[in-house]
Structures are given as C-alpha cells and as structure tokens.
C-alpha atoms as a PDB file:
ATOM      1  CA  MET A   1     -85.285-105.161  17.119  1.00  0.00           C
ATOM      2  CA  ASP A   2     -83.924-105.762  20.612  1.00  0.00           C
ATOM      3  CA  ARG A   3     -83.789-102.384  22.449  1.00  0.00           C
ATOM      4  CA  HIS A   4     -80.321-103.076  23.861  1.00  0.00           C
ATOM      5  CA  ILE A   5     -78.923-103.787  20.383  1.00  0.00           C
ATOM      6  CA  LEU A   6     -80.596-100.641  19.045  1.00  0.00           C
ATOM      7  CA  GLN A   7     -78.959 -98.537  21.780  1.00  0.00           C
ATOM      8  CA  LEU A   8     -75.553-100.013  20.916  1.00  0.00           C
ATOM      9  CA  LEU A   9     -76.004 -99.182  17.225  1.00  0.00           C
ATOM     10  CA  GLN A  10     -76.913 -95.591  18.117  1.00  0.00           C
ATOM     11  CA  GLU A  11     -73.802 -94.922  20.196  1.00  0.00           C
ATOM     12  CA  GLY A  12     -72.256 -92.924  17.378  1.00  0.00           C
ATOM     13  CA  SER A  13     -68.993 -93.107  15.485  1.00  0.00           C
ATOM     14  CA  THR A  14     -65.386 -91.985  15.810  1.00  0.00           C
ATOM     15  CA  SER A  15     -64.193 -89.262  13.456  1.00  0.00           C
ATOM     16  CA  VAL A  16     -60.703 -89.923  12.057  1.00  0.00           C
ATOM     17  CA  SER A  17     -59.004 -87.805   9.398  1.00  0.00           C
ATOM     18  CA  ASN A  18     -58.917 -89.624   6.058  1.00  0.00           C
ATOM     19  CA  ILE A  19     -55.530 -88.087   5.319  1.00  0.00           C
ATOM     20  CA  LEU A  20     -54.179 -89.495   8.581  1.00  0.00           C
ATOM     21  CA  LEU A  21     -55.413 -92.963   7.596  1.00  0.00           C
ATOM     22  CA  LYS A  22     -53.749 -92.584   4.193  1.00  0.00           C
ATOM     23  CA  LYS A  23     -50.443 -91.201   5.474  1.00  0.00           C
ATOM     24  CA  TYR A  24     -49.756 -92.874   8.845  1.00  0.00           C
ATOM     25  CA  LYS A  25     -47.515 -95.493   7.224  1.00  0.00           C
ATOM     26  CA  ARG A  26     -45.475 -92.736   5.602  1.00  0.00           C
ATOM     27  CA  MET A  27     -45.228 -91.097   9.038  1.00  0.00           C
ATOM     28  CA  SER A  28     -43.505 -94.288  10.294  1.00  0.00           C
ATOM     29  CA  LEU A  29     -46.468 -95.372  12.431  1.00  0.00           C
ATOM     30  CA  SER A  30     -47.202 -99.098  12.675  1.00  0.00           C
ATOM     31  CA  ASP A  31     -50.689-100.578  12.407  1.00  0.00           C
ATOM     32  CA  GLU A  32     -50.653-101.232  16.161  1.00  0.00           C
ATOM     33  CA  GLU A  33     -49.697 -97.622  16.927  1.00  0.00           C
ATOM     34  CA  MET A  34     -52.360 -96.274  14.583  1.00  0.00           C
ATOM     35  CA  MET A  35     -55.027 -98.479  16.148  1.00  0.00           C
ATOM     36  CA  LEU A  36     -54.045 -97.215  19.578  1.00  0.00           C
ATOM     37  CA  ILE A  37     -54.274 -93.609  18.329  1.00  0.00           C
ATOM     38  CA  ILE A  38     -57.746 -94.306  16.919  1.00  0.00           C
ATOM     39  CA  HIS A  39     -58.851 -95.579  20.340  1.00  0.00           C
ATOM     40  CA  LEU A  40     -57.379 -92.492  22.034  1.00  0.00           C
ATOM     41  CA  LEU A  41     -59.395 -90.377  19.591  1.00  0.00           C
ATOM     42  CA  SER A  42     -62.488 -92.446  20.356  1.00  0.00           C
ATOM     43  CA  PHE A  43     -62.091 -91.921  24.096  1.00  0.00           C
ATOM     44  CA  GLN A  44     -61.533 -88.174  23.576  1.00  0.00           C
ATOM     45  CA  GLN A  45     -64.690 -87.853  21.496  1.00  0.00           C
ATOM     46  CA  GLU A  46     -66.555 -89.610  24.305  1.00  0.00           C
ATOM     47  CA  GLY A  47     -65.214 -87.039  26.778  1.00  0.00           C
ATOM     48  CA  ASN A  48     -62.451 -89.171  28.322  1.00  0.00           C
ATOM     49  CA  ARG A  49     -59.144 -87.453  27.540  1.00  0.00           C
ATOM     50  CA  PHE A  50     -56.975 -89.753  29.671  1.00  0.00           C
ATOM     51  CA  PRO A  51     -58.213 -93.368  29.521  1.00  0.00           C
ATOM     52  CA  THR A  52     -56.643 -95.777  31.986  1.00  0.00           C
ATOM     53  CA  LEU A  53     -54.604 -98.771  30.943  1.00  0.00           C
ATOM     54  CA  GLN A  54     -57.477-101.036  31.973  1.00  0.00           C
ATOM     55  CA  GLN A  55     -59.937 -99.088  29.806  1.00  0.00           C
ATOM     56  CA  LEU A  56     -57.615 -99.416  26.816  1.00  0.00           C
ATOM     57  CA  GLU A  57     -57.104-103.145  27.446  1.00  0.00           C
ATOM     58  CA  GLU A  58     -60.871-103.664  27.282  1.00  0.00           C
ATOM     59  CA  ARG A  59     -60.914-102.367  23.688  1.00  0.00           C
ATOM     60  CA  VAL A  60     -57.763-103.686  22.052  1.00  0.00           C
ATOM     61  CA  SER A  61     -56.302-107.153  21.603  1.00  0.00           C
ATOM     62  CA  MET A  62     -52.998-106.238  23.238  1.00  0.00           C
ATOM     63  CA  SER A  63     -51.530-106.963  26.616  1.00  0.00           C
ATOM     64  CA  GLY A  64     -51.054-104.242  29.183  1.00  0.00           C
ATOM     65  CA  LEU A  65     -47.294-104.490  28.699  1.00  0.00           C
ATOM     66  CA  ARG A  66     -47.618-104.007  24.939  1.00  0.00           C
ATOM     67  CA  LEU A  67     -49.863-100.973  25.448  1.00  0.00           C
ATOM     68  CA  ILE A  68     -47.321 -99.420  27.788  1.00  0.00           C
ATOM     69  CA  GLN A  69     -44.551-100.018  25.222  1.00  0.00           C
ATOM     70  CA  LEU A  70     -46.594 -98.385  22.438  1.00  0.00           C
ATOM     71  CA  LEU A  71     -47.580 -95.396  24.580  1.00  0.00           C
ATOM     72  CA  GLN A  72     -43.978 -94.869  25.651  1.00  0.00           C
ATOM     73  CA  LYS A  73     -42.848 -95.003  22.018  1.00  0.00           C
ATOM     74  CA  LEU A  74     -45.497 -92.501  20.893  1.00  0.00           C
ATOM     75  CA  LEU A  75     -44.503 -90.171  23.731  1.00  0.00           C
ATOM     76  CA  LYS A  76     -40.775 -90.562  23.152  1.00  0.00           C
ATOM     77  CA  GLU A  77     -41.056 -89.906  19.415  1.00  0.00           C
ATOM     78  CA  GLN A  78     -43.422 -86.981  20.095  1.00  0.00           C
ATOM     79  CA  TYR A  79     -46.487 -88.198  18.253  1.00  0.00           C
ATOM     80  CA  ILE A  80     -48.476 -87.428  21.407  1.00  0.00           C
ATOM     81  CA  THR A  81     -47.843 -85.620  24.689  1.00  0.00           C
ATOM     82  CA  ILE A  82     -49.379 -85.743  28.154  1.00  0.00           C
ATOM     83  CA  ASP A  83     -50.628 -82.365  29.316  1.00  0.00           C
ATOM     84  CA  GLU A  84     -51.389 -81.408  32.919  1.00  0.00           C
ATOM     85  CA  ASP A  85     -54.212 -78.967  33.596  1.00  0.00           C
ATOM     86  CA  VAL A  86     -56.189 -77.666  36.551  1.00  0.00           C
ATOM     87  CA  ASP A  87     -59.964 -77.870  36.783  1.00  0.00           C
ATOM     88  CA  PRO A  88     -61.079 -74.238  37.339  1.00  0.00           C
ATOM     89  CA  GLN A  89     -64.058 -75.320  39.439  1.00  0.00           C
ATOM     90  CA  SER A  90     -62.551 -77.966  41.708  1.00  0.00           C
ATOM     91  CA  GLY A  91     -58.913 -76.848  41.578  1.00  0.00           C
ATOM     92  CA  MET A  92     -57.869 -80.478  41.028  1.00  0.00           C
ATOM     93  CA  ARG A  93     -55.070 -81.344  38.641  1.00  0.00           C
ATOM     94  CA  TYR A  94     -55.745 -83.764  35.809  1.00  0.00           C
ATOM     95  CA  GLU A  95     -53.842 -85.182  32.846  1.00  0.00           C
ATOM     96  CA  SER A  96     -54.878 -85.628  29.220  1.00  0.00           C
ATOM     97  CA  TYR A  97     -53.412 -87.050  26.036  1.00  0.00           C
ATOM     98  CA  ASN A  98     -52.666 -84.302  23.514  1.00  0.00           C
ATOM     99  CA  LEU A  99     -52.719 -85.446  19.878  1.00  0.00           C
ATOM    100  CA  GLU A 100     -51.841 -82.081  18.367  1.00  0.00           C
ATOM    101  CA  PRO A 101     -48.200 -83.145  17.761  1.00  0.00           C
ATOM    102  CA  LEU A 102     -49.555 -85.993  15.618  1.00  0.00           C
ATOM    103  CA  TYR A 103     -51.322 -83.532  13.342  1.00  0.00           C
ATOM    104  CA  ARG A 104     -48.251 -81.330  13.188  1.00  0.00           C
ATOM    105  CA  ARG A 105     -46.293 -84.359  11.974  1.00  0.00           C
ATOM    106  CA  LEU A 106     -49.020 -85.025   9.412  1.00  0.00           C
ATOM    107  CA  TYR A 107     -48.824 -81.404   8.255  1.00  0.00           C
ATOM    108  CA  HIS A 108     -45.056 -81.627   7.746  1.00  0.00           C
ATOM    109  CA  CYS A 109     -45.491 -84.952   5.942  1.00  0.00           C
ATOM    110  CA  LEU A 110     -47.844 -83.258   3.475  1.00  0.00           C
ATOM    111  CA  GLN A 111     -45.394 -80.387   3.069  1.00  0.00           C
ATOM    112  CA  GLU A 112     -42.625 -82.809   2.173  1.00  0.00           C
ATOM    113  CA  GLU A 113     -44.835 -84.592  -0.342  1.00  0.00           C
ATOM    114  CA  ARG A 114     -45.716 -81.302  -1.996  1.00  0.00           C
ATOM    115  CA  LYS A 115     -42.047 -80.310  -2.076  1.00  0.00           C
ATOM    116  CA  VAL A 116     -41.023 -83.560  -3.757  1.00  0.00           C
ATOM    117  CA  LEU A 117     -43.920 -83.333  -6.220  1.00  0.00           C
ATOM    118  CA  ASN A 118     -43.068 -79.782  -7.207  1.00  0.00           C
ATOM    119  CA  GLU A 119     -39.378 -80.570  -7.551  1.00  0.00           C
ATOM    120  CA  SER A 120     -40.385 -83.234 -10.036  1.00  0.00           C
ATOM    121  CA  VAL A 121     -42.868 -81.055 -11.927  1.00  0.00           C
ATOM    122  CA  LEU A 122     -40.762 -77.900 -12.003  1.00  0.00           C
ATOM    123  CA  GLY A 123     -37.478 -79.654 -12.769  1.00  0.00           C
ATOM    124  CA  ILE A 124     -35.729 -78.370  -9.663  1.00  0.00           C
ATOM    125  CA  GLY A 125     -32.109 -79.488  -9.526  1.00  0.00           C
ATOM    126  CA  THR A 126     -31.997 -80.270 -13.260  1.00  0.00           C
ATOM    127  CA  GLY A 127     -31.420 -76.709 -14.360  1.00  0.00           C
ATOM    128  CA  LEU A 128     -34.796 -76.527 -16.135  1.00  0.00           C
ATOM    129  CA  ASN A 129     -36.340 -74.140 -13.670  1.00  0.00           C
ATOM    130  CA  MET A 130     -34.764 -72.273 -10.788  1.00  0.00           C
ATOM    131  CA  VAL A 131     -38.012 -71.466  -8.964  1.00  0.00           C
ATOM    132  CA  SER A 132     -37.779 -72.499  -5.317  1.00  0.00           C
ATOM    133  CA  ALA A 133     -39.675 -75.790  -4.903  1.00  0.00           C
ATOM    134  CA  GLN A 134     -39.910 -75.274  -1.166  1.00  0.00           C
ATOM    135  CA  GLU A 135     -41.600 -71.895  -1.630  1.00  0.00           C
ATOM    136  CA  TYR A 136     -43.931 -73.321  -4.268  1.00  0.00           C
ATOM    137  CA  GLY A 137     -44.812 -76.443  -2.326  1.00  0.00           C
ATOM    138  CA  THR A 138     -45.346 -74.991   1.140  1.00  0.00           C
ATOM    139  CA  GLY A 139     -46.443 -71.475   0.209  1.00  0.00           C
ATOM    140  CA  LEU A 140     -50.139 -72.330   0.206  1.00  0.00           C
ATOM    141  CA  TYR A 141     -50.095 -73.680   3.778  1.00  0.00           C
ATOM    142  CA  SER A 142     -47.831 -70.935   5.103  1.00  0.00           C
ATOM    143  CA  GLN A 143     -49.908 -68.159   3.507  1.00  0.00           C
ATOM    144  CA  PHE A 144     -53.080 -69.582   5.029  1.00  0.00           C
ATOM    145  CA  GLU A 145     -51.406 -69.771   8.437  1.00  0.00           C
ATOM    146  CA  GLN A 146     -50.256 -66.163   8.102  1.00  0.00           C
ATOM    147  CA  ALA A 147     -53.752 -65.043   7.108  1.00  0.00           C
ATOM    148  CA  PHE A 148     -55.421 -66.992   9.931  1.00  0.00           C
ATOM    149  CA  GLY A 149     -52.749 -65.889  12.419  1.00  0.00           C
ATOM    150  CA  ARG A 150     -52.356 -69.417  13.809  1.00  0.00           C
ATOM    151  CA  PRO A 151     -51.385 -72.968  12.791  1.00  0.00           C
ATOM    152  CA  LEU A 152     -53.974 -74.710  10.635  1.00  0.00           C
ATOM    153  CA  SER A 153     -56.174 -77.333  12.258  1.00  0.00           C
ATOM    154  CA  SER A 154     -56.233 -80.919  10.987  1.00  0.00           C
ATOM    155  CA  ILE A 155     -59.584 -80.295   9.247  1.00  0.00           C
ATOM    156  CA  GLU A 156     -58.241 -77.164   7.538  1.00  0.00           C
ATOM    157  CA  ILE A 157     -55.118 -79.011   6.368  1.00  0.00           C
ATOM    158  CA  GLU A 158     -57.278 -81.820   5.010  1.00  0.00           C
ATOM    159  CA  THR A 159     -59.531 -79.320   3.210  1.00  0.00           C
ATOM    160  CA  LEU A 160     -56.550 -77.644   1.522  1.00  0.00           C
ATOM    161  CA  HIS A 161     -55.247 -81.048   0.502  1.00  0.00           C
ATOM    162  CA  ILE A 162     -58.631 -81.956  -1.049  1.00  0.00           C
ATOM    163  CA  TRP A 163     -58.773 -78.650  -2.950  1.00  0.00           C
ATOM    164  CA  VAL A 164     -55.373 -79.302  -4.522  1.00  0.00           C
ATOM    165  CA  GLU A 165     -55.326 -83.077  -4.975  1.00  0.00           C
ATOM    166  CA  GLU A 166     -58.983 -83.953  -5.599  1.00  0.00           C
ATOM    167  CA  ASP A 167     -60.751 -80.793  -6.772  1.00  0.00           C
ATOM    168  CA  LYS A 168     -57.676 -79.764  -8.791  1.00  0.00           C
ATOM    169  CA  TYR A 169     -57.992 -76.076  -7.920  1.00  0.00           C
ATOM    170  CA  SER A 170     -54.844 -74.127  -8.732  1.00  0.00           C
ATOM    171  CA  GLU A 171     -52.964 -72.571  -5.833  1.00  0.00           C
ATOM    172  CA  GLU A 172     -53.475 -69.186  -7.539  1.00  0.00           C
ATOM    173  CA  LEU A 173     -57.262 -69.665  -7.439  1.00  0.00           C
ATOM    174  CA  ILE A 174     -57.264 -70.901  -3.816  1.00  0.00           C
ATOM    175  CA  LEU A 175     -55.290 -67.862  -2.685  1.00  0.00           C
ATOM    176  CA  ALA A 176     -57.638 -65.605  -4.653  1.00  0.00           C
ATOM    177  CA  ALA A 177     -60.598 -67.169  -2.803  1.00  0.00           C
ATOM    178  CA  MET A 178     -58.819 -66.572   0.499  1.00  0.00           C
ATOM    179  CA  ARG A 179     -58.301 -62.891  -0.397  1.00  0.00           C
ATOM    180  CA  GLU A 180     -61.963 -62.629  -1.399  1.00  0.00           C
ATOM    181  CA  ALA A 181     -62.978 -64.011   2.022  1.00  0.00           C
ATOM    182  CA  ILE A 182     -60.679 -61.495   3.739  1.00  0.00           C
ATOM    183  CA  SER A 183     -62.200 -58.617   1.761  1.00  0.00           C
ATOM    184  CA  VAL A 184     -65.701 -59.414   3.072  1.00  0.00           C
ATOM    185  CA  GLY A 185     -64.563 -60.190   6.625  1.00  0.00           C
ATOM    186  CA  LYS A 186     -65.419 -63.905   6.483  1.00  0.00           C
ATOM    187  CA  LEU A 187     -62.055 -65.606   6.814  1.00  0.00           C
ATOM    188  CA  TYR A 188     -62.966 -69.188   7.586  1.00  0.00           C
ATOM    189  CA  ILE A 189     -62.400 -72.355   5.642  1.00  0.00           C
ATOM    190  CA  ARG A 190     -66.055 -73.178   4.874  1.00  0.00           C
ATOM    191  CA  TYR A 191     -66.683 -69.745   3.383  1.00  0.00           C
ATOM    192  CA  ILE A 192     -63.589 -70.062   1.178  1.00  0.00           C
ATOM    193  CA  ASP A 193     -64.874 -73.471   0.066  1.00  0.00           C
ATOM    194  CA  ARG A 194     -68.211 -71.879  -0.894  1.00  0.00           C
ATOM    195  CA  ILE A 195     -66.377 -69.248  -2.955  1.00  0.00           C
ATOM    196  CA  LEU A 196     -64.433 -71.933  -4.816  1.00  0.00           C
ATOM    197  CA  LEU A 197     -67.614 -73.919  -5.500  1.00  0.00           C
ATOM    198  CA  GLU A 198     -69.308 -70.806  -6.880  1.00  0.00           C
ATOM    199  CA  TRP A 199     -66.327 -70.068  -9.124  1.00  0.00           C
ATOM    200  CA  GLN A 200     -66.328 -73.676 -10.284  1.00  0.00           C
ATOM    201  CA  ARG A 201     -70.006 -73.351 -11.283  1.00  0.00           C
ATOM    202  CA  GLN A 202     -69.094 -70.174 -13.194  1.00  0.00           C
ATOM    203  CA  GLN A 203     -66.202 -72.030 -14.893  1.00  0.00           C
ATOM    204  CA  ILE A 204     -63.669 -69.612 -13.447  1.00  0.00           C
ATOM    205  CA  LYS A 205     -60.144 -70.960 -13.756  1.00  0.00           C
ATOM    206  CA  SER A 206     -57.785 -68.082 -12.947  1.00  0.00           C
ATOM    207  CA  ALA A 207     -57.378 -65.375 -10.323  1.00  0.00           C
ATOM    208  CA  GLU A 208     -57.943 -62.691 -12.993  1.00  0.00           C
ATOM    209  CA  GLU A 209     -61.272 -64.228 -13.996  1.00  0.00           C
ATOM    210  CA  ALA A 210     -62.233 -64.464 -10.322  1.00  0.00           C
ATOM    211  CA  ARG A 211     -61.360 -60.805  -9.735  1.00  0.00           C
ATOM    212  CA  ASN A 212     -63.445 -59.667 -12.726  1.00  0.00           C
ATOM    213  CA  TYR A 213     -66.367 -61.825 -11.592  1.00  0.00           C
ATOM    214  CA  SER A 214     -66.235 -60.346  -8.081  1.00  0.00           C
ATOM    215  CA  LEU A 215     -66.098 -56.808  -9.457  1.00  0.00           C
ATOM    216  CA  ARG A 216     -69.150 -57.437 -11.649  1.00  0.00           C
ATOM    217  CA  ARG A 217     -71.114 -58.807  -8.701  1.00  0.00           C
ATOM    218  CA  ARG A 218     -70.262 -55.796  -6.536  1.00  0.00           C
ATOM    219  CA  GLN A 219     -71.281 -53.231  -9.136  1.00  0.00           C
ATOM    220  CA  PRO A 220     -74.807 -51.921  -8.481  1.00  0.00           C
ATOM    221  CA  GLN A 221     -77.210 -52.692 -11.265  1.00  0.00           C
ATOM    222  CA  LYS A 222     -78.036 -49.642 -13.409  1.00  0.00           C
ATOM    223  CA  ARG A 223     -81.617 -48.554 -13.189  1.00  0.00           C
ATOM    224  CA  ASP A 224     -83.586 -47.306 -16.154  1.00  0.00           C
ATOM    225  CA  HIS A 225     -84.591 -43.732 -15.264  1.00  0.00           C
ATOM    226  CA  ARG A 226     -86.544 -43.118 -18.468  1.00  0.00           C
ATOM    227  CA  GLN A 227     -90.149 -42.085 -17.993  1.00  0.00           C
ATOM    228  CA  PRO A 228     -92.681 -44.623 -19.152  1.00  0.00           C
ATOM    229  CA  LEU A 229     -94.465 -43.760 -22.330  1.00  0.00           C
END
C-alpha cells in the first residue's frame, strides 16, 4: 500500500457523542450546524481550539459567508461560546471555542424527555398518580450531580442514559450502585458501571437484593477451628 495513503488512514478519528447525534434535531440544530459542530470537535481533538475561517472552509462545502452566519447563530443561541484565556508561559491571550453549553443543552433535552416519559407512565395530570414527574424524571441526574459535587460530563450523561434506556436498569438499582461506590471511596462512573454489571451477572434486580449481596461479600468467611482427626 502507498505509504502516503497509509499515513492518511492512520490519522485517527473524531469522537462524537452518540446521544448528540440522535438528539441534535430535537435540540433545534440543523444538519449544517451539526456538521460545523462536528468539525469544531475534530479541530479540538487535534489540539486546535480556535480554527480560522480559512481552516474551516477547507473542510466543509460552505462559503465563508455561510460559515460566519452559522457561527454567529450558534453563539447567539448559546450552543457555543468563545472563551479568552492567557497562556501561563508566554503571557499571550488566546481564544477558544467552548462547546460545554452544547452539552448542557443536551442534558436539559434529556431531562425534558424523561419528564414527558414519566408523565405518560405515571399518569401525571390525569389524577391516576400524584407523584411529581419532574422529581422522578430528573432525580437520577440531580442526585448524581449532588454526589459528584459538579455538573455531569457529556460521557457521564450518556452513560446514565444507556443504563436507563438500553440496559434497562431501574433508577433504584443505579442509585444503589452509586451508594455502593461511595461506601468504598470509588465514586466514578466506570466503577459504578462495573458494580451494575456484577449485579446483572448475579441476577440482582432491586436495591434490597443488592444490599444483601454486598453484606454477604463483606462478611469474613468463617474458618473451621476444629482439630483434625
């Protein structure tokens, strides 16, 4: 194979949240805007946090004017921001595109979906059940944020979404796994995922079953002190 082609194929890939790809339309982003965001992500992952207009034009099939219009719209509607920082070594000021507002919008979009889903399931507004749908739908995210002491990252939000929507873990079980991680001083999302996988292998379905399983594992095994015959 031609060495130049091989080098091109080995340049790597751009990591984009699957949930973002699934939900950007619901977030009122057009295909053009989403493609521009993907290229901003690509530049960031290459180490360029503030690509020039010319650099963007080289990658997308849009005019410079159209790119300016899209960037202005994303900034105006607060999907992205431009941050100004100072290089601690050189003392020079530099600007960068900040995509954190985009993920905050995605987070709130997921919250709204959960709220609507739970209103439907619980019969909120029909008199069938007076449990607060907002508390039920957003409690999982808010309790994780309280436990972590910070807003959840995009990866953490996506992981929670997968646990609920794809793995079908109950919110009760997810919160029990979070408490288990806290009890052993390992409060991070991958460790909680490992706990849930272990419980799944043990066919544990409820927080009570999980608690009993954890207690059994922590109990020291009894030794047989009888003298050998």
